[in-house]
Amino acid sequence: MGIDKPEALLLFGLQDAMTARMLIESGSNPDQVRIELHKLQTMIAFAEATTCRRRVLLGYFGERQPQECGNCDVCLDPPQLYDATIDAQKALSAVHRTGQRFGIGHVVDVLRGRSTDKVGEWGHESLSVFGVGEELSVDEWTSVIRQLIHHGHLTQDIAAYSALKFTESTGDVLRGEVELRFARPRAKAPKAAKAAKRSRALEGLEVDEQLFERLRELRTVLAAEAGVPAYVVFADRTLADMAARRPTTPEEMLEVHGVGAAKLRRYGEAFLEVVGAG
């Protein structure tokens, strides 16, 4: 008599993850908040994994599995693979050049050539790796780094604010002794409700759609850097008004719907730069 294999169902929603993040950040113990945020980010990485889930799970506990399990949903419905050796070397070089002191978000900013406050503070705009990966999106670079972690070529130091650190196998990748085939991030299906909401937000405005998307991309980067939901930076309605008005000065930016003095001080320069470049 055969024994049926057990099955597990994973239900995951980013909105729930953002709610959990806000609850964690409301805590009064900074060290505990840091640890819990690391755990939450690890759970999100597991939910969005494009590599064998058993490999990801064992890796979290410091164990390495050289082969895929062949039973999880990723193994049974594998994503498209590509030769990621060069991308992996770029990512590892960025981790090395920044001193193995920073988390995923900052390393991605360096790879994509984003001139953030932190990049400027540490002088990372002068690094040879700054902007070497501008052709890839935030999601694509995040996926590459997560897969490096899942395959054991990087680790995250929870005691050092989830800083990326080298492992024993990192050198093999950097020297080109290992060929890596990583999964491309799965395309996210558009949601009808979200599309309808944006349609209402843009109604009555002559919006530059390309500029609107660039503003949304900047918002995503800034929100990830601050560890907050995107709408905390600016709502879609604000970005739509910004893409319609195309402000060029701080005074004009203050006329945009949803932009006050505090947000102008915090985000105004970055968004004005994108508008000016568009």
Foldseek 3Di string as FASTA:
>chain_A
DDDDDDDDDDDDDVVVLQVVLVVLVVDDDVLSSLLVVVVSVLVVCLVQALAASVLSVVLVVVDHDQDHPCPDPCNVVHADKDFCLVVLLLLVVLCVVLPLQDAQLVSLQQQLQPPDPVCVVSVSNPDPNRRVNVVDASVQSSNSVSVCSSNPQWFFDSVRSRGIDGDPCVVCSNVVVDTDMGGGRDDDDDDPVVVVVLCVLLPPAPFPVVLLVVLQSVLVSVCVVVVHDSVVLPDSSQSRQCRRQLDQDLVSSCVGPPDDPVSCVVCVVVSNVSSVVD
